[in-house]
Structures are given as C-alpha cells and as structure tokens.
Amino acid sequence: MKRISILVTVVALAPAVGRASGWSSQRHQIIYSPYAFSYNNPGLIPGSIKYSPYAFNANSAGLVYEGARYTPYAFNYRSPGLVVDYYWWQLPCCPPCRVVEACPAPQRSVSASRTRHRAAASRGPSAWTRRLHEIRQTDAEHIVRRYLQADGLDDFRVDRRLSIENRTAGAAFIFHDKNLVVRYTNPEIMEALQAEGGSRMKVVERYEEAWATFARDIEARGGTIYCVSASEPDQIVAALAACDALRPTGLSDQITMVARE
C-alpha cells in the first residue's frame, strides 16, 4: 500500500516538475529569432529576450527583455509606451544582444531600503534614463545616416541643414563619388512653419531659395538629386530603399522621386 501511494505521488508531481524545468532551461539557452536575423547577426539571442511590436521601428528590431511591457499611459510622441518592471530579476545567463535597443534590461531587482533610494535619487538621472533620452532624441537625420551606413555607404557629408527645436526639417546628403545628392525634408515641420507665418515662414523661404541655387549647380555639373519627403521613420526607410543609386549592386540615372504620406 505504501509503495502504491509513493508511486501515485511521484506521477502527480512529474508534470509540474517538467514544466518548471522546461521554462527555466529556455531562459538560460541561446535561441533563434527571425526578428534578430540580419546581415551582421545570425539571429541568435538569449532566451530571456522576446519580440514586442510596440518596440519595432526603424532603429530597433523590436526585441526587448522579459521585464519590459506596454502601457498606454507611457505612450506619447517620443516613447513607444514600453516600461520596465523593476521588480523583475534579470538572470545573468549571457550578455545582452546588440540589436536590443528599445529597453535595456535592469541590472538588478529593486530591493533596497528607503535610504538607498534617497541616495540614488540624489545622484541624478541613471544610465537607463540617459539612454532612453538619447533614443527619444533620434530624428530623421539619424535615421537616414544609419540606413546609409548599414548599406556600407560612408563616403558622404551632410549639408544644407534646417533644424527646428532639435528636429531636422531639411538636410542634404552629398555623395561625391556617386555625383548624387539625397535631399530630405520633413513635410509636417515645413507646413507648420509656413502656417505660423512671421519670421519662421521667412526662414523656410530663404532655405528654399538657397536650396534652389544649390540644386541648379548640382544639375549643371550633371549630378543627380533624389528627394525624400516623409515624416515617419518607416516612410523614410521605404523612400531610401526605392533609390537604385543607393543600392550597393546598382546605379540609377533617375533624377527625382518624392515619397509623401
């Protein structure tokens, strides 16, 4: 009778033990994720990393740590709405993947006393806060620059900048080896400046006049001008991808293509 009861107990506990061991082992493993696959990455990431559609954008593959979650209260123009549960304990299974840019993992669980919390607050913003601020400051010029560098196009310089309140309203990316100029303009900012009138509208008018003179000089030398007019990151990337002259395997004789919303 005792043998039967012991056997029944072991059989009843076996599924729970199997589930616990399987869940724990995956977090310590290196797994494959199609969201991490790229030219420089075979797609291998730690098991504690997952995909979130809220983190996906032109600068991030959408991979975040398990402690990150979405809340509509954190969503705004500069934030995708992802927050980190600071009570989450991040296991040191392996170093974080390079493609994870949206939500860095917390270094340790928050279990300090009130004194330690006051001491941390007096030291100013944490590294995570500074990193989040840098991500939120990324604008169109950085998106274009990263796209070009990802395709191995480093021989260019940025000229004819127009920046309004730390946001790029216009810029020209000049490729001397290709005799190509990629002009970027943000239609939302341009239209808002023209609607305000006054001194800001004059700034736009002077900028357009200077650009017209610059464009005539480029075309007189046989250069090509490719125009990208978009506000959202995915629209900017799509417009750049449509330019044959920016592809490593081919050139294009097209003069102008405009991508609008």
C-alpha atoms as a PDB file:
ATOM      1  CA  MET A   1       0.000   0.000   0.000  1.00  0.00           C
ATOM      2  CA  LYS A   2       2.837   2.412   0.820  1.00  0.00           C
ATOM      3  CA  ARG A   3       4.520   1.614  -2.487  1.00  0.00           C
ATOM      4  CA  ILE A   4       1.338   2.444  -4.398  1.00  0.00           C
ATOM      5  CA  SER A   5       0.888   5.778  -2.601  1.00  0.00           C
ATOM      6  CA  ILE A   6       4.520   6.761  -3.228  1.00  0.00           C
ATOM      7  CA  LEU A   7       4.134   5.892  -6.921  1.00  0.00           C
ATOM      8  CA  VAL A   8       0.940   7.977  -7.202  1.00  0.00           C
ATOM      9  CA  THR A   9       2.688  10.949  -5.566  1.00  0.00           C
ATOM     10  CA  VAL A  10       5.642  10.768  -7.979  1.00  0.00           C
ATOM     11  CA  VAL A  11       3.347  10.544 -11.014  1.00  0.00           C
ATOM     12  CA  ALA A  12       1.302  13.531  -9.813  1.00  0.00           C
ATOM     13  CA  LEU A  13       4.378  15.728  -9.306  1.00  0.00           C
ATOM     14  CA  ALA A  14       6.083  14.778 -12.581  1.00  0.00           C
ATOM     15  CA  PRO A  15       4.168  17.225 -14.886  1.00  0.00           C
ATOM     16  CA  ALA A  16       4.786  20.190 -12.589  1.00  0.00           C
ATOM     17  CA  VAL A  17       8.485  19.385 -12.333  1.00  0.00           C
ATOM     18  CA  GLY A  18       8.705  19.019 -16.101  1.00  0.00           C
ATOM     19  CA  ARG A  19       7.050  22.368 -16.711  1.00  0.00           C
ATOM     20  CA  ALA A  20       9.261  24.184 -14.220  1.00  0.00           C
ATOM     21  CA  SER A  21      12.489  22.728 -15.574  1.00  0.00           C
ATOM     22  CA  GLY A  22      11.484  23.404 -19.183  1.00  0.00           C
ATOM     23  CA  TRP A  23      10.641  27.065 -18.515  1.00  0.00           C
ATOM     24  CA  SER A  24      13.839  27.687 -16.584  1.00  0.00           C
ATOM     25  CA  SER A  25      16.106  25.983 -19.113  1.00  0.00           C
ATOM     26  CA  GLN A  26      14.847  28.081 -22.040  1.00  0.00           C
ATOM     27  CA  ARG A  27      15.817  31.310 -20.298  1.00  0.00           C
ATOM     28  CA  HIS A  28      19.384  30.032 -19.982  1.00  0.00           C
ATOM     29  CA  GLN A  29      19.604  28.922 -23.599  1.00  0.00           C
ATOM     30  CA  ILE A  30      20.577  30.724 -26.774  1.00  0.00           C
ATOM     31  CA  ILE A  31      17.596  30.611 -29.141  1.00  0.00           C
ATOM     32  CA  TYR A  32      16.958  31.659 -32.726  1.00  0.00           C
ATOM     33  CA  SER A  33      14.685  34.597 -33.507  1.00  0.00           C
ATOM     34  CA  PRO A  34      13.843  35.756 -37.047  1.00  0.00           C
ATOM     35  CA  TYR A  35      13.479  39.292 -35.696  1.00  0.00           C
ATOM     36  CA  ALA A  36      17.178  39.360 -34.759  1.00  0.00           C
ATOM     37  CA  PHE A  37      18.401  37.986 -38.087  1.00  0.00           C
ATOM     38  CA  SER A  38      20.322  40.499 -40.154  1.00  0.00           C
ATOM     39  CA  TYR A  39      23.431  40.885 -42.276  1.00  0.00           C
ATOM     40  CA  ASN A  40      25.638  41.114 -39.162  1.00  0.00           C
ATOM     41  CA  ASN A  41      23.645  38.852 -36.832  1.00  0.00           C
ATOM     42  CA  PRO A  42      22.741  35.153 -37.403  1.00  0.00           C
ATOM     43  CA  GLY A  43      19.589  35.605 -35.321  1.00  0.00           C
ATOM     44  CA  LEU A  44      20.814  34.075 -32.054  1.00  0.00           C
ATOM     45  CA  ILE A  45      19.650  35.801 -28.862  1.00  0.00           C
ATOM     46  CA  PRO A  46      19.332  34.906 -25.154  1.00  0.00           C
ATOM     47  CA  GLY A  47      16.193  33.039 -24.171  1.00  0.00           C
ATOM     48  CA  SER A  48      15.139  35.877 -21.890  1.00  0.00           C
ATOM     49  CA  ILE A  49      14.567  38.205 -24.864  1.00  0.00           C
ATOM     50  CA  LYS A  50      11.217  38.426 -26.631  1.00  0.00           C
ATOM     51  CA  TYR A  51       9.663  40.337 -29.531  1.00  0.00           C
ATOM     52  CA  SER A  52       7.322  43.265 -28.957  1.00  0.00           C
ATOM     53  CA  PRO A  53       5.514  45.054 -31.815  1.00  0.00           C
ATOM     54  CA  TYR A  54       5.473  48.225 -29.718  1.00  0.00           C
ATOM     55  CA  ALA A  55       9.298  48.373 -29.790  1.00  0.00           C
ATOM     56  CA  PHE A  56       9.626  47.774 -33.540  1.00  0.00           C
ATOM     57  CA  ASN A  57      10.700  50.786 -35.566  1.00  0.00           C
ATOM     58  CA  ALA A  58      13.384  51.872 -37.998  1.00  0.00           C
ATOM     59  CA  ASN A  59      16.066  51.819 -35.283  1.00  0.00           C
ATOM     60  CA  SER A  60      15.055  48.679 -33.394  1.00  0.00           C
ATOM     61  CA  ALA A  61      14.229  45.093 -34.372  1.00  0.00           C
ATOM     62  CA  GLY A  62      11.535  45.011 -31.695  1.00  0.00           C
ATOM     63  CA  LEU A  63      13.449  42.795 -29.261  1.00  0.00           C
ATOM     64  CA  VAL A  64      13.078  43.589 -25.568  1.00  0.00           C
ATOM     65  CA  TYR A  65      13.800  41.870 -22.286  1.00  0.00           C
ATOM     66  CA  GLU A  66      11.125  39.960 -20.406  1.00  0.00           C
ATOM     67  CA  GLY A  67      10.793  42.731 -17.857  1.00  0.00           C
ATOM     68  CA  ALA A  68       9.520  45.197 -20.485  1.00  0.00           C
ATOM     69  CA  ARG A  69       5.795  45.628 -21.053  1.00  0.00           C
ATOM     70  CA  TYR A  70       3.487  48.034 -22.857  1.00  0.00           C
ATOM     71  CA  THR A  71       1.249  50.535 -21.105  1.00  0.00           C
ATOM     72  CA  PRO A  72      -0.873  53.169 -22.878  1.00  0.00           C
ATOM     73  CA  TYR A  73      -0.112  55.658 -20.107  1.00  0.00           C
ATOM     74  CA  ALA A  74       3.556  55.793 -21.167  1.00  0.00           C
ATOM     75  CA  PHE A  75       2.785  56.141 -24.879  1.00  0.00           C
ATOM     76  CA  ASN A  76       3.476  59.540 -26.406  1.00  0.00           C
ATOM     77  CA  TYR A  77       5.189  61.168 -29.380  1.00  0.00           C
ATOM     78  CA  ARG A  78       8.687  60.259 -28.195  1.00  0.00           C
ATOM     79  CA  SER A  79       8.040  56.973 -26.362  1.00  0.00           C
ATOM     80  CA  PRO A  80       6.575  53.682 -27.717  1.00  0.00           C
ATOM     81  CA  GLY A  81       4.882  53.054 -24.366  1.00  0.00           C
ATOM     82  CA  LEU A  82       7.279  50.403 -23.050  1.00  0.00           C
ATOM     83  CA  VAL A  83       8.200  50.394 -19.376  1.00  0.00           C
ATOM     84  CA  VAL A  84      10.378  48.103 -17.278  1.00  0.00           C
ATOM     85  CA  ASP A  85       9.053  46.205 -14.275  1.00  0.00           C
ATOM     86  CA  TYR A  86      11.801  46.967 -11.793  1.00  0.00           C
ATOM     87  CA  TYR A  87      10.853  44.066  -9.578  1.00  0.00           C
ATOM     88  CA  TRP A  88      11.926  41.712 -12.367  1.00  0.00           C
ATOM     89  CA  TRP A  89      15.153  39.847 -11.681  1.00  0.00           C
ATOM     90  CA  GLN A  90      17.341  39.610 -14.742  1.00  0.00           C
ATOM     91  CA  LEU A  91      19.265  36.328 -14.752  1.00  0.00           C
ATOM     92  CA  PRO A  92      22.904  36.726 -15.853  1.00  0.00           C
ATOM     93  CA  CYS A  93      22.658  33.980 -18.494  1.00  0.00           C
ATOM     94  CA  CYS A  94      24.725  35.883 -21.076  1.00  0.00           C
ATOM     95  CA  PRO A  95      25.417  39.472 -22.182  1.00  0.00           C
ATOM     96  CA  PRO A  96      22.538  41.347 -23.863  1.00  0.00           C
ATOM     97  CA  CYS A  97      22.148  41.123 -27.610  1.00  0.00           C
ATOM     98  CA  ARG A  98      23.469  44.074 -29.617  1.00  0.00           C
ATOM     99  CA  VAL A  99      20.224  44.559 -31.538  1.00  0.00           C
ATOM    100  CA  VAL A 100      18.186  45.207 -28.396  1.00  0.00           C
ATOM    101  CA  GLU A 101      17.953  48.989 -28.312  1.00  0.00           C
ATOM    102  CA  ALA A 102      14.442  49.799 -27.132  1.00  0.00           C
ATOM    103  CA  CYS A 103      14.526  48.683 -23.488  1.00  0.00           C
ATOM    104  CA  PRO A 104      17.839  47.812 -21.796  1.00  0.00           C
ATOM    105  CA  ALA A 105      17.455  45.246 -19.044  1.00  0.00           C
ATOM    106  CA  PRO A 106      17.517  46.283 -15.392  1.00  0.00           C
ATOM    107  CA  GLN A 107      20.796  45.313 -13.812  1.00  0.00           C
ATOM    108  CA  ARG A 108      19.259  44.024 -10.589  1.00  0.00           C
ATOM    109  CA  SER A 109      15.979  43.783  -8.765  1.00  0.00           C
ATOM    110  CA  VAL A 110      14.892  46.700  -6.634  1.00  0.00           C
ATOM    111  CA  SER A 111      15.106  45.542  -3.056  1.00  0.00           C
ATOM    112  CA  ALA A 112      17.000  48.429  -1.471  1.00  0.00           C
ATOM    113  CA  SER A 113      15.888  50.305   1.588  1.00  0.00           C
ATOM    114  CA  ARG A 114      14.430  53.819   1.618  1.00  0.00           C
ATOM    115  CA  THR A 115      17.835  55.242   2.457  1.00  0.00           C
ATOM    116  CA  ARG A 116      19.374  53.679  -0.602  1.00  0.00           C
ATOM    117  CA  HIS A 117      16.534  55.005  -2.769  1.00  0.00           C
ATOM    118  CA  ARG A 118      17.138  58.545  -1.492  1.00  0.00           C
ATOM    119  CA  ALA A 119      20.869  58.210  -2.117  1.00  0.00           C
ATOM    120  CA  ALA A 120      20.259  57.015  -5.687  1.00  0.00           C
ATOM    121  CA  ALA A 121      17.889  59.905  -6.363  1.00  0.00           C
ATOM    122  CA  SER A 122      20.456  62.450  -5.227  1.00  0.00           C
ATOM    123  CA  ARG A 123      22.986  61.199  -7.797  1.00  0.00           C
ATOM    124  CA  GLY A 124      20.849  62.446 -10.692  1.00  0.00           C
ATOM    125  CA  PRO A 125      19.477  60.508 -13.699  1.00  0.00           C
ATOM    126  CA  SER A 126      20.520  56.896 -14.073  1.00  0.00           C
ATOM    127  CA  ALA A 127      22.255  55.396 -17.095  1.00  0.00           C
ATOM    128  CA  TRP A 128      18.951  53.897 -18.230  1.00  0.00           C
ATOM    129  CA  THR A 129      17.256  57.323 -18.083  1.00  0.00           C
ATOM    130  CA  ARG A 130      20.057  58.924 -20.087  1.00  0.00           C
ATOM    131  CA  ARG A 131      19.930  56.129 -22.654  1.00  0.00           C
ATOM    132  CA  LEU A 132      16.163  56.490 -23.004  1.00  0.00           C
ATOM    133  CA  HIS A 133      16.603  60.225 -23.506  1.00  0.00           C
ATOM    134  CA  GLU A 134      19.117  59.588 -26.298  1.00  0.00           C
ATOM    135  CA  ILE A 135      16.739  57.184 -28.023  1.00  0.00           C
ATOM    136  CA  ARG A 136      13.905  59.695 -27.875  1.00  0.00           C
ATOM    137  CA  GLN A 137      16.128  62.397 -29.395  1.00  0.00           C
ATOM    138  CA  THR A 138      16.737  60.334 -32.536  1.00  0.00           C
ATOM    139  CA  ASP A 139      15.310  62.180 -35.534  1.00  0.00           C
ATOM    140  CA  ALA A 140      15.207  61.906 -39.311  1.00  0.00           C
ATOM    141  CA  GLU A 141      18.868  62.764 -39.907  1.00  0.00           C
ATOM    142  CA  HIS A 142      19.953  59.883 -37.669  1.00  0.00           C
ATOM    143  CA  ILE A 143      17.542  57.514 -39.437  1.00  0.00           C
ATOM    144  CA  VAL A 144      18.939  58.399 -42.865  1.00  0.00           C
ATOM    145  CA  ARG A 145      22.527  58.261 -41.619  1.00  0.00           C
ATOM    146  CA  ARG A 146      22.059  54.817 -40.031  1.00  0.00           C
ATOM    147  CA  TYR A 147      20.338  53.469 -43.126  1.00  0.00           C
ATOM    148  CA  LEU A 148      23.186  54.583 -45.370  1.00  0.00           C
ATOM    149  CA  GLN A 149      25.875  53.270 -43.037  1.00  0.00           C
ATOM    150  CA  ALA A 150      24.085  49.916 -42.746  1.00  0.00           C
ATOM    151  CA  ASP A 151      24.448  49.538 -46.534  1.00  0.00           C
ATOM    152  CA  GLY A 152      28.149  50.405 -46.341  1.00  0.00           C
ATOM    153  CA  LEU A 153      27.704  53.943 -47.669  1.00  0.00           C
ATOM    154  CA  ASP A 154      30.029  56.031 -45.517  1.00  0.00           C
ATOM    155  CA  ASP A 155      31.513  58.414 -48.083  1.00  0.00           C
ATOM    156  CA  PHE A 156      29.031  61.256 -47.714  1.00  0.00           C
ATOM    157  CA  ARG A 157      28.674  64.525 -45.878  1.00  0.00           C
ATOM    158  CA  VAL A 158      25.606  66.311 -44.542  1.00  0.00           C
ATOM    159  CA  ASP A 159      24.956  69.875 -45.680  1.00  0.00           C
ATOM    160  CA  ARG A 160      22.063  72.343 -46.004  1.00  0.00           C
ATOM    161  CA  ARG A 161      20.647  71.525 -42.571  1.00  0.00           C
ATOM    162  CA  LEU A 162      17.447  73.115 -41.301  1.00  0.00           C
ATOM    163  CA  SER A 163      16.734  72.254 -37.661  1.00  0.00           C
ATOM    164  CA  ILE A 164      13.718  73.466 -35.674  1.00  0.00           C
ATOM    165  CA  GLU A 165      13.605  72.724 -31.923  1.00  0.00           C
ATOM    166  CA  ASN A 166      16.155  69.899 -32.211  1.00  0.00           C
ATOM    167  CA  ARG A 167      14.203  68.279 -35.050  1.00  0.00           C
ATOM    168  CA  THR A 168      15.566  68.027 -38.578  1.00  0.00           C
ATOM    169  CA  ALA A 169      13.313  69.795 -41.056  1.00  0.00           C
ATOM    170  CA  GLY A 170      15.688  69.537 -44.004  1.00  0.00           C
ATOM    171  CA  ALA A 171      19.140  68.231 -44.903  1.00  0.00           C
ATOM    172  CA  ALA A 172      21.219  67.248 -47.928  1.00  0.00           C
ATOM    173  CA  PHE A 173      23.369  64.097 -48.007  1.00  0.00           C
ATOM    174  CA  ILE A 174      26.080  64.608 -50.614  1.00  0.00           C
ATOM    175  CA  PHE A 175      27.909  61.650 -52.246  1.00  0.00           C
ATOM    176  CA  HIS A 176      30.876  62.941 -54.228  1.00  0.00           C
ATOM    177  CA  ASP A 177      31.877  59.510 -55.567  1.00  0.00           C
ATOM    178  CA  LYS A 178      28.365  58.894 -56.973  1.00  0.00           C
ATOM    179  CA  ASN A 179      27.705  62.508 -58.027  1.00  0.00           C
ATOM    180  CA  LEU A 180      24.478  62.133 -56.059  1.00  0.00           C
ATOM    181  CA  VAL A 181      22.613  64.321 -53.564  1.00  0.00           C
ATOM    182  CA  VAL A 182      19.851  62.925 -51.354  1.00  0.00           C
ATOM    183  CA  ARG A 183      17.630  65.744 -50.163  1.00  0.00           C
ATOM    184  CA  TYR A 184      15.459  65.118 -47.106  1.00  0.00           C
ATOM    185  CA  THR A 185      12.567  67.331 -45.992  1.00  0.00           C
ATOM    186  CA  ASN A 186      10.007  66.839 -43.243  1.00  0.00           C
ATOM    187  CA  PRO A 187       6.650  67.964 -44.701  1.00  0.00           C
ATOM    188  CA  GLU A 188       4.961  68.225 -41.301  1.00  0.00           C
ATOM    189  CA  ILE A 189       7.529  70.676 -39.963  1.00  0.00           C
ATOM    190  CA  MET A 190       7.673  72.643 -43.208  1.00  0.00           C
ATOM    191  CA  GLU A 191       3.894  73.045 -43.368  1.00  0.00           C
ATOM    192  CA  ALA A 192       3.721  74.001 -39.690  1.00  0.00           C
ATOM    193  CA  LEU A 193       6.371  76.702 -40.153  1.00  0.00           C
ATOM    194  CA  GLN A 194       4.582  78.143 -43.171  1.00  0.00           C
ATOM    195  CA  ALA A 195       1.274  78.127 -41.291  1.00  0.00           C
ATOM    196  CA  GLU A 196       2.791  80.080 -38.395  1.00  0.00           C
ATOM    197  CA  GLY A 197       3.918  82.862 -40.687  1.00  0.00           C
ATOM    198  CA  GLY A 198       6.149  85.666 -39.496  1.00  0.00           C
ATOM    199  CA  SER A 199       9.866  85.090 -39.041  1.00  0.00           C
ATOM    200  CA  ARG A 200       9.636  81.302 -39.250  1.00  0.00           C
ATOM    201  CA  MET A 201       7.961  81.428 -42.651  1.00  0.00           C
ATOM    202  CA  LYS A 202      10.776  83.689 -43.847  1.00  0.00           C
ATOM    203  CA  VAL A 203      13.286  81.105 -42.633  1.00  0.00           C
ATOM    204  CA  VAL A 204      11.620  78.480 -44.822  1.00  0.00           C
ATOM    205  CA  GLU A 205      11.524  80.842 -47.805  1.00  0.00           C
ATOM    206  CA  ARG A 206      15.230  81.678 -47.504  1.00  0.00           C
ATOM    207  CA  TYR A 207      16.035  77.993 -47.106  1.00  0.00           C
ATOM    208  CA  GLU A 208      14.111  77.092 -50.272  1.00  0.00           C
ATOM    209  CA  GLU A 209      15.772  79.889 -52.237  1.00  0.00           C
ATOM    210  CA  ALA A 210      19.236  78.760 -51.149  1.00  0.00           C
ATOM    211  CA  TRP A 211      18.359  75.173 -51.981  1.00  0.00           C
ATOM    212  CA  ALA A 212      17.141  76.120 -55.481  1.00  0.00           C
ATOM    213  CA  THR A 213      20.501  77.772 -56.196  1.00  0.00           C
ATOM    214  CA  PHE A 214      22.365  74.763 -54.825  1.00  0.00           C
ATOM    215  CA  ALA A 215      20.250  72.354 -56.912  1.00  0.00           C
ATOM    216  CA  ARG A 216      20.935  74.275 -60.124  1.00  0.00           C
ATOM    217  CA  ASP A 217      24.680  73.992 -59.521  1.00  0.00           C
ATOM    218  CA  ILE A 218      24.404  70.243 -58.930  1.00  0.00           C
ATOM    219  CA  GLU A 219      22.354  69.653 -62.080  1.00  0.00           C
ATOM    220  CA  ALA A 220      24.696  71.876 -64.124  1.00  0.00           C
ATOM    221  CA  ARG A 221      27.549  69.521 -63.211  1.00  0.00           C
ATOM    222  CA  GLY A 222      25.489  66.509 -64.276  1.00  0.00           C
ATOM    223  CA  GLY A 223      24.616  65.440 -60.753  1.00  0.00           C
ATOM    224  CA  THR A 224      21.541  63.549 -59.621  1.00  0.00           C
ATOM    225  CA  ILE A 225      19.128  64.758 -56.942  1.00  0.00           C
ATOM    226  CA  TYR A 226      16.931  62.258 -55.094  1.00  0.00           C
ATOM    227  CA  CYS A 227      14.248  63.805 -52.885  1.00  0.00           C
ATOM    228  CA  VAL A 228      12.786  62.156 -49.794  1.00  0.00           C
ATOM    229  CA  SER A 229       9.815  63.969 -48.272  1.00  0.00           C
ATOM    230  CA  ALA A 230       8.478  61.962 -45.312  1.00  0.00           C
ATOM    231  CA  SER A 231       7.792  62.349 -41.608  1.00  0.00           C
ATOM    232  CA  GLU A 232       7.519  58.801 -40.227  1.00  0.00           C
ATOM    233  CA  PRO A 233      10.565  56.501 -39.880  1.00  0.00           C
ATOM    234  CA  ASP A 234       9.061  53.692 -41.974  1.00  0.00           C
ATOM    235  CA  GLN A 235       8.240  56.140 -44.769  1.00  0.00           C
ATOM    236  CA  ILE A 236      11.793  57.484 -44.721  1.00  0.00           C
ATOM    237  CA  VAL A 237      13.290  53.997 -44.928  1.00  0.00           C
ATOM    238  CA  ALA A 238      10.908  52.984 -47.725  1.00  0.00           C
ATOM    239  CA  ALA A 239      11.825  56.046 -49.772  1.00  0.00           C
ATOM    240  CA  LEU A 240      15.547  55.380 -49.341  1.00  0.00           C
ATOM    241  CA  ALA A 241      15.114  51.728 -50.279  1.00  0.00           C
ATOM    242  CA  ALA A 242      13.433  52.777 -53.541  1.00  0.00           C
ATOM    243  CA  CYS A 243      16.525  54.678 -54.689  1.00  0.00           C
ATOM    244  CA  ASP A 244      18.533  52.459 -57.048  1.00  0.00           C
ATOM    245  CA  ALA A 245      21.601  54.678 -56.767  1.00  0.00           C
ATOM    246  CA  LEU A 246      21.894  53.880 -53.050  1.00  0.00           C
ATOM    247  CA  ARG A 247      21.956  50.131 -53.602  1.00  0.00           C
ATOM    248  CA  PRO A 248      25.419  48.547 -53.440  1.00  0.00           C
ATOM    249  CA  THR A 249      24.808  46.431 -56.563  1.00  0.00           C
ATOM    250  CA  GLY A 250      23.473  49.030 -58.969  1.00  0.00           C
ATOM    251  CA  LEU A 251      23.328  52.626 -60.065  1.00  0.00           C
ATOM    252  CA  SER A 252      20.414  54.752 -61.229  1.00  0.00           C
ATOM    253  CA  ASP A 253      20.023  57.615 -63.674  1.00  0.00           C
ATOM    254  CA  GLN A 254      16.727  58.712 -62.201  1.00  0.00           C
ATOM    255  CA  ILE A 255      16.690  62.342 -61.138  1.00  0.00           C
ATOM    256  CA  THR A 256      13.923  62.763 -58.611  1.00  0.00           C
ATOM    257  CA  MET A 257      11.462  60.634 -56.706  1.00  0.00           C
ATOM    258  CA  VAL A 258       9.323  62.019 -53.902  1.00  0.00           C
ATOM    259  CA  ALA A 259       7.863  59.831 -51.146  1.00  0.00           C
ATOM    260  CA  ARG A 260       4.931  61.508 -49.456  1.00  0.00           C
ATOM    261  CA  GLU A 261       2.473  60.353 -46.859  1.00  0.00           C
END
